[in-house]
N, C-alpha and C. Protein backbone atom coordinates (compact mmCIF):
# COMPACT_ATOMS: atom_id res chain seq x y z
N ARG A 1 131.02 146.35 103.50
CA ARG A 1 132.03 146.41 102.45
C ARG A 1 133.19 145.44 102.68
N VAL A 2 133.22 144.84 103.87
CA VAL A 2 134.16 143.76 104.18
C VAL A 2 133.36 142.65 104.86
N ASN A 3 133.92 141.46 104.93
CA ASN A 3 133.21 140.30 105.49
C ASN A 3 133.88 139.80 106.76
N THR A 4 133.09 139.55 107.80
CA THR A 4 133.59 138.95 109.03
C THR A 4 133.38 137.44 108.96
N PHE A 5 134.38 136.68 109.37
CA PHE A 5 134.28 135.22 109.31
C PHE A 5 134.94 134.60 110.54
N ALA A 6 134.58 133.36 110.84
CA ALA A 6 135.17 132.63 111.96
C ALA A 6 136.36 131.82 111.48
N HIS A 7 137.49 131.97 112.17
CA HIS A 7 138.67 131.16 111.86
C HIS A 7 138.42 129.70 112.24
N VAL A 8 139.26 128.82 111.73
CA VAL A 8 139.09 127.39 111.99
C VAL A 8 139.25 127.07 113.48
N ASN A 9 139.98 127.90 114.23
CA ASN A 9 140.17 127.65 115.67
C ASN A 9 139.23 128.49 116.53
N HIS A 10 138.15 128.99 115.94
CA HIS A 10 137.15 129.77 116.68
C HIS A 10 136.32 128.87 117.59
N THR A 11 136.14 129.30 118.83
CA THR A 11 135.26 128.60 119.77
C THR A 11 134.41 129.64 120.50
N LEU A 12 133.37 129.17 121.18
CA LEU A 12 132.54 130.08 121.95
C LEU A 12 133.32 130.67 123.12
N GLN A 13 134.27 129.89 123.63
CA GLN A 13 135.07 130.35 124.76
C GLN A 13 136.17 131.32 124.32
N GLN A 14 136.71 131.09 123.15
CA GLN A 14 137.80 131.94 122.64
C GLN A 14 137.49 132.29 121.20
N LYS A 15 136.89 133.45 121.03
CA LYS A 15 136.44 133.86 119.70
C LYS A 15 137.62 134.23 118.82
N ARG A 16 137.64 133.70 117.61
CA ARG A 16 138.69 133.99 116.63
C ARG A 16 138.02 134.45 115.35
N LEU A 17 137.75 135.72 115.28
CA LEU A 17 137.05 136.27 114.12
C LEU A 17 138.02 137.06 113.25
N GLY A 18 137.89 136.89 111.96
CA GLY A 18 138.72 137.63 111.02
C GLY A 18 137.86 138.53 110.16
N VAL A 19 138.50 139.46 109.50
CA VAL A 19 137.80 140.36 108.58
C VAL A 19 138.41 140.15 107.20
N LEU A 20 137.56 139.79 106.25
CA LEU A 20 138.01 139.44 104.91
C LEU A 20 137.71 140.57 103.94
N LEU A 21 138.73 141.04 103.26
CA LEU A 21 138.57 142.00 102.17
C LEU A 21 138.61 141.20 100.87
N CYS A 22 137.52 141.21 100.15
CA CYS A 22 137.43 140.44 98.91
C CYS A 22 137.42 141.38 97.71
N ILE A 23 138.37 141.18 96.80
CA ILE A 23 138.43 141.96 95.56
C ILE A 23 138.36 140.96 94.41
N ASN A 24 137.26 140.95 93.71
CA ASN A 24 137.00 139.93 92.70
C ASN A 24 137.96 139.96 91.52
N GLY A 25 138.50 141.13 91.21
CA GLY A 25 139.22 141.28 89.96
C GLY A 25 140.72 141.12 90.02
N THR A 26 141.26 140.56 91.10
CA THR A 26 142.72 140.54 91.26
C THR A 26 143.40 139.51 90.36
N GLY A 27 143.34 138.25 90.76
CA GLY A 27 144.03 137.21 89.99
C GLY A 27 143.52 137.10 88.57
N ILE A 28 142.22 137.30 88.38
CA ILE A 28 141.67 137.15 87.03
C ILE A 28 142.18 138.25 86.10
N LEU A 29 142.49 139.43 86.64
CA LEU A 29 143.07 140.49 85.81
C LEU A 29 144.45 140.07 85.32
N ASN A 30 145.28 139.56 86.22
CA ASN A 30 146.62 139.15 85.83
C ASN A 30 146.56 138.04 84.79
N ARG A 31 145.61 137.11 84.96
CA ARG A 31 145.43 136.04 83.98
C ARG A 31 144.97 136.59 82.65
N TRP A 32 144.04 137.55 82.68
CA TRP A 32 143.52 138.16 81.45
C TRP A 32 144.62 138.91 80.70
N ILE A 33 145.43 139.65 81.44
CA ILE A 33 146.55 140.37 80.83
C ILE A 33 147.48 139.39 80.13
N ARG A 34 147.75 138.27 80.77
CA ARG A 34 148.64 137.26 80.18
C ARG A 34 148.01 136.66 78.93
N THR A 35 146.72 136.36 78.98
CA THR A 35 146.03 135.75 77.84
C THR A 35 145.98 136.70 76.65
N VAL A 36 145.66 137.95 76.91
CA VAL A 36 145.45 138.92 75.83
C VAL A 36 146.76 139.53 75.34
N GLY A 37 147.67 139.83 76.27
CA GLY A 37 148.87 140.55 75.88
C GLY A 37 150.18 139.90 76.26
N GLY A 38 150.12 138.66 76.74
CA GLY A 38 151.34 138.02 77.21
C GLY A 38 152.18 137.41 76.11
N THR A 39 151.59 137.22 74.92
CA THR A 39 152.28 136.64 73.76
C THR A 39 153.12 135.41 74.14
N GLY A 40 152.52 134.52 74.90
CA GLY A 40 153.19 133.27 75.24
C GLY A 40 154.14 133.34 76.42
N LEU A 41 154.23 134.47 77.09
CA LEU A 41 155.13 134.60 78.23
C LEU A 41 154.57 133.87 79.45
N SER A 42 155.46 133.38 80.29
CA SER A 42 155.04 132.83 81.58
C SER A 42 154.79 133.99 82.53
N TYR A 43 154.17 133.70 83.66
CA TYR A 43 153.96 134.75 84.66
C TYR A 43 155.30 135.30 85.15
N ALA A 44 156.27 134.43 85.33
CA ALA A 44 157.59 134.88 85.78
C ALA A 44 158.22 135.83 84.77
N GLU A 45 158.07 135.53 83.49
CA GLU A 45 158.61 136.41 82.45
C GLU A 45 157.87 137.74 82.41
N MET A 46 156.56 137.70 82.62
CA MET A 46 155.80 138.95 82.70
C MET A 46 156.25 139.78 83.90
N ASN A 47 156.48 139.12 85.03
CA ASN A 47 156.93 139.83 86.22
C ASN A 47 158.28 140.49 85.98
N ASN A 48 159.18 139.78 85.31
CA ASN A 48 160.51 140.33 85.01
C ASN A 48 160.41 141.53 84.08
N ALA A 49 159.51 141.45 83.10
CA ALA A 49 159.32 142.58 82.18
C ALA A 49 158.74 143.77 82.92
N ALA A 50 157.78 143.52 83.80
CA ALA A 50 157.16 144.60 84.57
C ALA A 50 158.17 145.30 85.47
N ALA A 51 159.14 144.53 85.97
CA ALA A 51 160.15 145.09 86.87
C ALA A 51 161.07 146.08 86.17
N GLN A 52 161.09 146.07 84.84
CA GLN A 52 161.93 147.00 84.09
C GLN A 52 161.28 148.37 83.95
N ILE A 53 160.00 148.48 84.32
CA ILE A 53 159.26 149.73 84.21
C ILE A 53 159.26 150.42 85.57
N ALA A 54 159.42 151.73 85.56
CA ALA A 54 159.45 152.50 86.81
C ALA A 54 158.08 152.52 87.47
N PRO A 55 158.03 152.60 88.79
CA PRO A 55 156.74 152.74 89.47
C PRO A 55 155.94 153.91 88.89
N GLY A 56 154.64 153.68 88.73
CA GLY A 56 153.80 154.70 88.12
C GLY A 56 153.56 154.49 86.65
N CYS A 57 154.38 153.64 86.03
CA CYS A 57 154.16 153.19 84.64
C CYS A 57 154.01 154.35 83.66
N ASP A 58 154.76 155.42 83.89
CA ASP A 58 154.70 156.58 82.98
C ASP A 58 153.27 157.06 82.77
N GLY A 59 152.50 157.04 83.87
CA GLY A 59 151.15 157.59 83.83
C GLY A 59 150.04 156.60 83.54
N LEU A 60 150.37 155.39 83.13
CA LEU A 60 149.35 154.39 82.81
C LEU A 60 148.73 153.84 84.10
N THR A 61 147.41 153.80 84.17
CA THR A 61 146.74 153.25 85.34
C THR A 61 145.71 152.21 84.93
N VAL A 62 145.51 151.23 85.79
CA VAL A 62 144.53 150.17 85.54
C VAL A 62 143.62 150.03 86.76
N LEU A 63 142.32 150.00 86.52
CA LEU A 63 141.34 149.68 87.57
C LEU A 63 140.95 148.22 87.41
N PRO A 64 141.20 147.38 88.42
CA PRO A 64 141.03 145.93 88.26
C PRO A 64 139.66 145.41 88.67
N PHE A 65 138.60 146.05 88.21
CA PHE A 65 137.27 145.70 88.71
C PHE A 65 136.37 145.12 87.63
N GLY A 66 136.94 144.25 86.81
CA GLY A 66 136.20 143.69 85.68
C GLY A 66 135.64 142.30 85.91
N ASN A 67 135.36 141.95 87.15
CA ASN A 67 134.83 140.61 87.44
C ASN A 67 133.56 140.71 88.28
N GLY A 68 132.67 141.61 87.86
CA GLY A 68 131.40 141.76 88.56
C GLY A 68 131.43 142.84 89.62
N ALA A 69 130.38 142.88 90.42
CA ALA A 69 130.24 143.90 91.46
C ALA A 69 131.29 143.70 92.55
N GLU A 70 131.80 144.80 93.07
CA GLU A 70 132.78 144.76 94.15
C GLU A 70 132.13 145.26 95.44
N ARG A 71 132.17 144.43 96.46
CA ARG A 71 131.51 144.80 97.71
C ARG A 71 132.12 146.06 98.32
N MET A 72 133.44 146.19 98.25
CA MET A 72 134.06 147.36 98.86
C MET A 72 133.72 148.65 98.12
N LEU A 73 133.18 148.53 96.90
CA LEU A 73 132.71 149.69 96.14
C LEU A 73 131.19 149.78 96.22
N ASN A 74 130.64 149.29 97.33
CA ASN A 74 129.19 149.31 97.56
C ASN A 74 128.42 148.55 96.49
N ASN A 75 129.00 147.42 96.08
CA ASN A 75 128.37 146.51 95.12
C ASN A 75 128.13 147.13 93.74
N LYS A 76 128.91 148.14 93.42
CA LYS A 76 128.80 148.74 92.08
C LYS A 76 129.57 147.89 91.07
N ILE A 77 129.05 147.85 89.86
CA ILE A 77 129.76 147.21 88.77
C ILE A 77 130.51 148.32 88.03
N VAL A 78 131.76 148.47 88.38
CA VAL A 78 132.58 149.56 87.84
C VAL A 78 133.21 149.16 86.51
N GLY A 79 133.58 147.89 86.40
CA GLY A 79 134.30 147.44 85.21
C GLY A 79 135.79 147.72 85.33
N ALA A 80 136.56 147.02 84.55
CA ALA A 80 138.01 147.28 84.49
C ALA A 80 138.28 148.37 83.47
N HIS A 81 139.30 149.18 83.75
CA HIS A 81 139.61 150.30 82.86
C HIS A 81 141.11 150.50 82.76
N ILE A 82 141.57 150.79 81.56
CA ILE A 82 142.96 151.18 81.32
C ILE A 82 142.93 152.67 80.98
N ASN A 83 143.62 153.47 81.77
CA ASN A 83 143.53 154.92 81.63
C ASN A 83 144.88 155.55 81.30
N HIS A 84 144.80 156.65 80.55
CA HIS A 84 145.96 157.46 80.19
C HIS A 84 146.95 156.70 79.32
N LEU A 85 146.42 155.85 78.46
CA LEU A 85 147.26 155.09 77.53
C LEU A 85 147.83 156.01 76.46
N ASP A 86 149.13 155.98 76.29
CA ASP A 86 149.82 156.79 75.28
C ASP A 86 150.52 155.84 74.32
N PHE A 87 150.10 155.83 73.06
CA PHE A 87 150.66 154.90 72.08
C PHE A 87 152.14 155.14 71.82
N ASN A 88 152.63 156.32 72.14
CA ASN A 88 154.03 156.66 71.88
C ASN A 88 154.96 156.27 73.04
N ILE A 89 154.38 156.00 74.19
CA ILE A 89 155.18 155.74 75.38
C ILE A 89 155.02 154.31 75.89
N HIS A 90 153.79 153.86 75.95
CA HIS A 90 153.50 152.61 76.65
C HIS A 90 153.58 151.39 75.74
N HIS A 91 154.10 150.31 76.31
CA HIS A 91 154.12 149.03 75.61
C HIS A 91 153.69 147.94 76.58
N LYS A 92 153.85 146.69 76.20
CA LYS A 92 153.28 145.59 76.97
C LYS A 92 153.75 145.57 78.43
N ALA A 93 155.02 145.82 78.65
CA ALA A 93 155.54 145.76 80.02
C ALA A 93 154.88 146.81 80.91
N HIS A 94 154.55 147.97 80.33
CA HIS A 94 153.82 148.99 81.10
C HIS A 94 152.47 148.43 81.56
N LEU A 95 151.81 147.71 80.67
CA LEU A 95 150.51 147.15 81.00
C LEU A 95 150.64 146.08 82.09
N TYR A 96 151.69 145.26 82.01
CA TYR A 96 151.89 144.23 83.03
C TYR A 96 152.04 144.89 84.41
N ARG A 97 152.87 145.93 84.46
CA ARG A 97 153.11 146.58 85.75
C ARG A 97 151.89 147.37 86.23
N ALA A 98 151.24 148.08 85.30
CA ALA A 98 150.08 148.88 85.69
C ALA A 98 148.97 148.00 86.26
N ALA A 99 148.83 146.79 85.71
CA ALA A 99 147.82 145.86 86.23
C ALA A 99 148.16 145.47 87.67
N GLN A 100 149.42 145.15 87.92
CA GLN A 100 149.82 144.73 89.27
C GLN A 100 149.74 145.89 90.25
N GLU A 101 150.11 147.08 89.81
CA GLU A 101 149.97 148.25 90.68
C GLU A 101 148.50 148.52 90.97
N GLY A 102 147.65 148.37 89.96
CA GLY A 102 146.22 148.59 90.16
C GLY A 102 145.64 147.64 91.19
N ILE A 103 146.09 146.40 91.17
CA ILE A 103 145.64 145.42 92.17
C ILE A 103 146.13 145.83 93.56
N ALA A 104 147.41 146.23 93.65
CA ALA A 104 147.96 146.66 94.94
C ALA A 104 147.22 147.88 95.47
N PHE A 105 146.92 148.83 94.59
CA PHE A 105 146.22 150.04 95.02
C PHE A 105 144.79 149.73 95.45
N SER A 106 144.17 148.74 94.83
CA SER A 106 142.81 148.37 95.24
C SER A 106 142.83 147.77 96.65
N PHE A 107 143.90 147.06 96.98
CA PHE A 107 144.04 146.56 98.35
C PHE A 107 144.23 147.71 99.32
N ARG A 108 144.99 148.72 98.94
CA ARG A 108 145.15 149.91 99.79
C ARG A 108 143.79 150.57 100.02
N TYR A 109 142.99 150.67 98.98
CA TYR A 109 141.66 151.26 99.10
C TYR A 109 140.82 150.47 100.11
N GLY A 110 140.85 149.16 100.00
CA GLY A 110 140.10 148.32 100.93
C GLY A 110 140.65 148.37 102.34
N LEU A 111 141.98 148.42 102.46
CA LEU A 111 142.60 148.48 103.78
C LEU A 111 142.23 149.77 104.49
N ASP A 112 142.11 150.86 103.74
CA ASP A 112 141.70 152.13 104.34
C ASP A 112 140.28 152.02 104.91
N ILE A 113 139.42 151.24 104.26
CA ILE A 113 138.08 151.00 104.80
C ILE A 113 138.19 150.27 106.13
N MET A 114 139.05 149.28 106.19
CA MET A 114 139.25 148.53 107.43
C MET A 114 139.82 149.43 108.52
N ARG A 115 140.71 150.33 108.15
CA ARG A 115 141.26 151.27 109.12
C ARG A 115 140.19 152.20 109.67
N GLU A 116 139.26 152.59 108.82
CA GLU A 116 138.15 153.43 109.28
C GLU A 116 137.31 152.71 110.33
N ASN A 117 137.35 151.39 110.30
CA ASN A 117 136.60 150.57 111.27
C ASN A 117 137.46 150.14 112.45
N GLY A 118 138.62 150.77 112.60
CA GLY A 118 139.44 150.53 113.77
C GLY A 118 140.46 149.43 113.65
N MET A 119 140.60 148.83 112.48
CA MET A 119 141.58 147.75 112.29
C MET A 119 142.85 148.32 111.66
N ARG A 120 143.95 148.18 112.37
CA ARG A 120 145.21 148.74 111.90
C ARG A 120 146.30 147.68 111.95
N PRO A 121 146.40 146.86 110.93
CA PRO A 121 147.41 145.79 110.94
C PRO A 121 148.82 146.34 110.90
N SER A 122 149.70 145.72 111.67
CA SER A 122 151.11 146.12 111.68
C SER A 122 151.94 145.22 110.78
N ILE A 123 151.40 144.05 110.46
CA ILE A 123 152.08 143.13 109.55
C ILE A 123 151.02 142.24 108.89
N ILE A 124 151.26 141.88 107.66
CA ILE A 124 150.36 140.99 106.92
C ILE A 124 151.14 139.72 106.59
N ARG A 125 150.55 138.58 106.89
CA ARG A 125 151.20 137.30 106.61
C ARG A 125 150.49 136.60 105.47
N ALA A 126 151.26 136.08 104.55
CA ALA A 126 150.68 135.43 103.36
C ALA A 126 151.62 134.35 102.87
N GLY A 127 151.09 133.46 102.05
CA GLY A 127 151.93 132.46 101.41
C GLY A 127 152.67 133.06 100.23
N LYS A 128 153.88 132.61 100.01
CA LYS A 128 154.65 133.09 98.85
C LYS A 128 154.13 132.34 97.62
N ALA A 129 153.02 132.81 97.12
CA ALA A 129 152.35 132.17 96.00
C ALA A 129 151.53 133.22 95.26
N ASN A 130 151.02 132.82 94.10
CA ASN A 130 150.13 133.69 93.32
C ASN A 130 150.76 135.07 93.09
N MET A 131 150.07 136.15 93.42
CA MET A 131 150.58 137.49 93.15
C MET A 131 151.85 137.80 93.92
N PHE A 132 152.02 137.19 95.08
CA PHE A 132 153.21 137.48 95.88
C PHE A 132 154.47 136.82 95.32
N LEU A 133 154.36 136.08 94.24
CA LEU A 133 155.55 135.61 93.53
C LEU A 133 156.17 136.73 92.71
N SER A 134 155.43 137.82 92.53
CA SER A 134 155.92 138.97 91.77
C SER A 134 156.53 140.01 92.70
N GLU A 135 157.78 140.35 92.47
CA GLU A 135 158.43 141.39 93.26
C GLU A 135 157.75 142.74 93.04
N VAL A 136 157.30 142.98 91.81
CA VAL A 136 156.61 144.24 91.50
C VAL A 136 155.36 144.37 92.35
N PHE A 137 154.54 143.32 92.37
CA PHE A 137 153.32 143.38 93.16
C PHE A 137 153.64 143.49 94.65
N SER A 138 154.57 142.68 95.13
CA SER A 138 154.88 142.65 96.56
C SER A 138 155.35 144.01 97.05
N THR A 139 156.29 144.63 96.32
CA THR A 139 156.80 145.94 96.75
C THR A 139 155.74 147.02 96.59
N SER A 140 154.92 146.92 95.55
CA SER A 140 153.84 147.89 95.36
C SER A 140 152.84 147.78 96.50
N PHE A 141 152.48 146.56 96.85
CA PHE A 141 151.52 146.31 97.94
C PHE A 141 152.04 146.87 99.26
N VAL A 142 153.28 146.54 99.59
CA VAL A 142 153.86 146.95 100.87
C VAL A 142 153.98 148.47 100.96
N ASN A 143 154.47 149.10 99.90
CA ASN A 143 154.67 150.54 99.94
C ASN A 143 153.37 151.32 99.84
N ALA A 144 152.40 150.78 99.10
CA ALA A 144 151.11 151.47 98.99
C ALA A 144 150.33 151.40 100.30
N THR A 145 150.38 150.25 100.97
CA THR A 145 149.63 150.08 102.21
C THR A 145 150.39 150.58 103.43
N GLY A 146 151.73 150.63 103.32
CA GLY A 146 152.53 151.02 104.47
C GLY A 146 152.62 149.93 105.52
N VAL A 147 152.34 148.69 105.12
CA VAL A 147 152.35 147.56 106.06
C VAL A 147 153.31 146.49 105.55
N ALA A 148 154.18 146.01 106.44
CA ALA A 148 155.12 144.96 106.06
C ALA A 148 154.38 143.65 105.77
N VAL A 149 154.96 142.85 104.90
CA VAL A 149 154.40 141.54 104.55
C VAL A 149 155.41 140.46 104.88
N GLU A 150 154.98 139.46 105.63
CA GLU A 150 155.81 138.31 105.95
C GLU A 150 155.30 137.13 105.13
N LEU A 151 156.15 136.61 104.27
CA LEU A 151 155.75 135.55 103.36
C LEU A 151 156.22 134.19 103.87
N TYR A 152 155.33 133.21 103.74
CA TYR A 152 155.61 131.85 104.20
C TYR A 152 155.68 130.90 103.01
N GLU A 153 156.42 129.82 103.19
CA GLU A 153 156.50 128.78 102.16
C GLU A 153 155.20 127.99 102.22
N SER A 154 154.17 128.56 101.63
CA SER A 154 152.85 127.97 101.72
C SER A 154 151.98 128.53 100.59
N ASP A 155 150.82 127.91 100.41
CA ASP A 155 149.84 128.43 99.47
C ASP A 155 148.45 128.06 99.99
N GLY A 156 147.42 128.40 99.23
CA GLY A 156 146.07 128.16 99.69
C GLY A 156 145.75 126.71 99.95
N SER A 157 146.28 125.82 99.12
CA SER A 157 145.98 124.39 99.29
C SER A 157 146.62 123.84 100.57
N THR A 158 147.82 124.31 100.88
CA THR A 158 148.49 123.85 102.10
C THR A 158 147.74 124.31 103.34
N GLY A 159 147.34 125.58 103.32
CA GLY A 159 146.58 126.10 104.45
C GLY A 159 145.24 125.40 104.61
N ALA A 160 144.58 125.12 103.49
CA ALA A 160 143.29 124.43 103.55
C ALA A 160 143.45 123.03 104.11
N ALA A 161 144.53 122.35 103.73
CA ALA A 161 144.77 121.00 104.23
C ALA A 161 145.02 121.02 105.74
N ALA A 162 145.78 122.01 106.21
CA ALA A 162 146.03 122.12 107.65
C ALA A 162 144.73 122.41 108.39
N GLY A 163 143.92 123.30 107.83
CA GLY A 163 142.64 123.60 108.46
C GLY A 163 141.73 122.40 108.52
N ALA A 164 141.72 121.61 107.45
CA ALA A 164 140.91 120.39 107.43
C ALA A 164 141.41 119.40 108.48
N GLY A 165 142.72 119.34 108.64
CA GLY A 165 143.30 118.44 109.64
C GLY A 165 142.89 118.82 111.05
N ILE A 166 142.81 120.14 111.29
CA ILE A 166 142.35 120.60 112.61
C ILE A 166 140.89 120.21 112.82
N GLY A 167 140.07 120.47 111.79
CA GLY A 167 138.65 120.16 111.90
C GLY A 167 138.37 118.68 112.06
N ALA A 168 139.19 117.85 111.45
CA ALA A 168 139.00 116.39 111.52
C ALA A 168 139.62 115.78 112.77
N GLY A 169 140.31 116.59 113.55
CA GLY A 169 140.92 116.08 114.77
C GLY A 169 142.24 115.38 114.57
N ILE A 170 142.82 115.49 113.38
CA ILE A 170 144.12 114.86 113.11
C ILE A 170 145.21 115.53 113.94
N TYR A 171 145.09 116.86 114.07
CA TYR A 171 146.03 117.61 114.90
C TYR A 171 145.38 117.90 116.25
N LYS A 172 146.17 117.86 117.30
CA LYS A 172 145.64 118.13 118.63
C LYS A 172 145.35 119.61 118.84
N SER A 173 146.06 120.46 118.09
CA SER A 173 145.87 121.90 118.24
C SER A 173 146.28 122.59 116.95
N SER A 174 145.89 123.86 116.82
CA SER A 174 146.31 124.63 115.66
C SER A 174 147.82 124.86 115.68
N LYS A 175 148.38 124.94 116.88
CA LYS A 175 149.83 125.12 117.01
C LYS A 175 150.56 123.93 116.40
N GLU A 176 150.06 122.74 116.65
CA GLU A 176 150.68 121.54 116.08
C GLU A 176 150.53 121.52 114.56
N ALA A 177 149.36 121.94 114.08
CA ALA A 177 149.10 121.91 112.64
C ALA A 177 150.03 122.83 111.87
N PHE A 178 150.37 123.95 112.47
CA PHE A 178 151.15 124.95 111.75
C PHE A 178 152.60 125.04 112.23
N GLN A 179 153.06 124.02 112.95
CA GLN A 179 154.41 124.09 113.53
C GLN A 179 155.51 124.12 112.47
N HIS A 180 155.21 123.60 111.27
CA HIS A 180 156.24 123.57 110.23
C HIS A 180 156.12 124.76 109.26
N PHE A 181 155.18 125.64 109.50
CA PHE A 181 155.04 126.83 108.66
C PHE A 181 156.03 127.88 109.14
N LYS A 182 157.07 128.12 108.37
CA LYS A 182 158.11 129.05 108.77
C LYS A 182 158.15 130.25 107.81
N PRO A 183 158.41 131.44 108.35
CA PRO A 183 158.52 132.61 107.47
C PRO A 183 159.72 132.49 106.54
N LYS A 184 159.51 132.89 105.29
CA LYS A 184 160.56 132.78 104.28
C LYS A 184 161.16 134.14 103.94
N GLU A 185 160.34 135.17 104.00
CA GLU A 185 160.80 136.49 103.55
C GLU A 185 159.98 137.58 104.23
N LEU A 186 160.64 138.65 104.61
CA LEU A 186 159.96 139.82 105.17
C LEU A 186 160.21 141.01 104.25
N ILE A 187 159.13 141.61 103.76
CA ILE A 187 159.22 142.76 102.87
C ILE A 187 158.67 143.97 103.62
N GLU A 188 159.49 144.99 103.78
CA GLU A 188 159.09 146.18 104.53
C GLU A 188 159.01 147.40 103.61
N PRO A 189 158.15 148.36 103.97
CA PRO A 189 158.04 149.58 103.15
C PRO A 189 159.36 150.34 103.10
N GLU A 190 159.72 150.77 101.90
CA GLU A 190 160.95 151.54 101.71
C GLU A 190 160.73 152.81 100.90
N ASN A 191 159.57 152.91 100.27
CA ASN A 191 159.31 154.05 99.38
C ASN A 191 157.85 154.49 99.51
N GLU A 192 157.39 154.62 100.75
CA GLU A 192 155.98 154.89 101.00
C GLU A 192 155.49 156.19 100.39
N ALA A 193 156.29 157.25 100.52
CA ALA A 193 155.84 158.57 100.07
C ALA A 193 155.52 158.56 98.58
N HIS A 194 156.41 157.97 97.79
CA HIS A 194 156.21 157.95 96.34
C HIS A 194 155.00 157.10 95.97
N TYR A 195 154.88 155.94 96.59
CA TYR A 195 153.75 155.07 96.27
C TYR A 195 152.43 155.66 96.77
N ASN A 196 152.48 156.40 97.86
CA ASN A 196 151.26 157.06 98.33
C ASN A 196 150.78 158.10 97.31
N GLU A 197 151.73 158.82 96.73
CA GLU A 197 151.39 159.78 95.68
C GLU A 197 150.78 159.07 94.47
N LEU A 198 151.37 157.95 94.08
CA LEU A 198 150.84 157.18 92.95
C LEU A 198 149.45 156.64 93.28
N TYR A 199 149.27 156.19 94.51
CA TYR A 199 147.96 155.68 94.92
C TYR A 199 146.90 156.77 94.85
N LEU A 200 147.22 157.95 95.33
CA LEU A 200 146.25 159.05 95.31
C LEU A 200 145.87 159.42 93.88
N GLN A 201 146.82 159.34 92.96
CA GLN A 201 146.52 159.58 91.55
C GLN A 201 145.57 158.50 91.02
N TRP A 202 145.85 157.26 91.38
CA TRP A 202 144.99 156.14 90.99
C TRP A 202 143.59 156.30 91.56
N LYS A 203 143.52 156.73 92.82
CA LYS A 203 142.23 156.90 93.49
C LYS A 203 141.39 157.98 92.81
N GLU A 204 142.04 159.03 92.32
CA GLU A 204 141.31 160.08 91.61
C GLU A 204 140.66 159.53 90.34
N VAL A 205 141.36 158.62 89.67
CA VAL A 205 140.77 157.97 88.49
C VAL A 205 139.56 157.14 88.91
N LEU A 206 139.71 156.37 89.99
CA LEU A 206 138.61 155.54 90.47
C LEU A 206 137.38 156.38 90.81
N LYS A 207 137.60 157.53 91.42
CA LYS A 207 136.47 158.38 91.84
C LYS A 207 135.57 158.75 90.66
N LYS A 208 136.15 158.89 89.49
CA LYS A 208 135.36 159.27 88.32
C LYS A 208 134.36 158.18 87.94
N TYR A 209 134.68 156.95 88.31
CA TYR A 209 133.82 155.83 87.93
C TYR A 209 132.82 155.45 89.02
N ILE A 210 133.04 155.91 90.24
CA ILE A 210 132.12 155.54 91.33
C ILE A 210 131.33 156.74 91.84
N ALA A 211 131.54 157.90 91.23
CA ALA A 211 130.82 159.11 91.67
C ALA A 211 129.32 158.96 91.42
C-alpha cells in the first residue's frame, strides 16, 4: 500500500531507502475544483476564500479519489465523492476547503498505514509549493497528522535538478548540492484534537465506500 524507493544518495555501503505514499487524486482534485467551480479565481483567491470557512466545512466532506485506483486503498477504484451537501448552507468556499481537508485527511489515512509498519515521522520536510502554498491545507495537514511540517524555498523542479547534479557528478556530495536549501517556515500542530475528530468523521464516510 506504500512504495519503497532508493534515494539519489543510496549506495550499497550506506543504504538510503525511503517510503513513498502516493495519492493519485490530490493535485488533480484541486485543479478540478478550480476548473468546475472556481469561476475564474486563481488558486490564491480560492485559498483565501477557503480560509473564511471554519474547519469541518459545516459538515461537507470530500473524498479525493477520482483519479483511478489508489494503492493505499488496496487498488480499489473508489471515485471522488462530495458528501453531506446542504443547498441551504454550503457554497463554493465550502467546497474549496472541503477538498483541501479531504486531501489532508487522505494523507493522515496513509500515514497511519506507515505508522502500522513502524514508521513514525517527527517532522515532514517539503517545498513551499503546490498544496503547501495554501494555509488551509498546511494547517489541516499538520493538525490531522499530528506532525510538524518544515517548508523550504523549493519545489519539485529544484529538487530534481539538484538530484540530477548529484547523479552527473557536478556536486561532490549531496551536502554540497543542498547547501543552499534553507527552511522558510515551520508549521506545528495547534488544534490536533479538533482535527482528529474531523478526520474520524471523514474516515467513517470513506469506510462506506471501501467496505
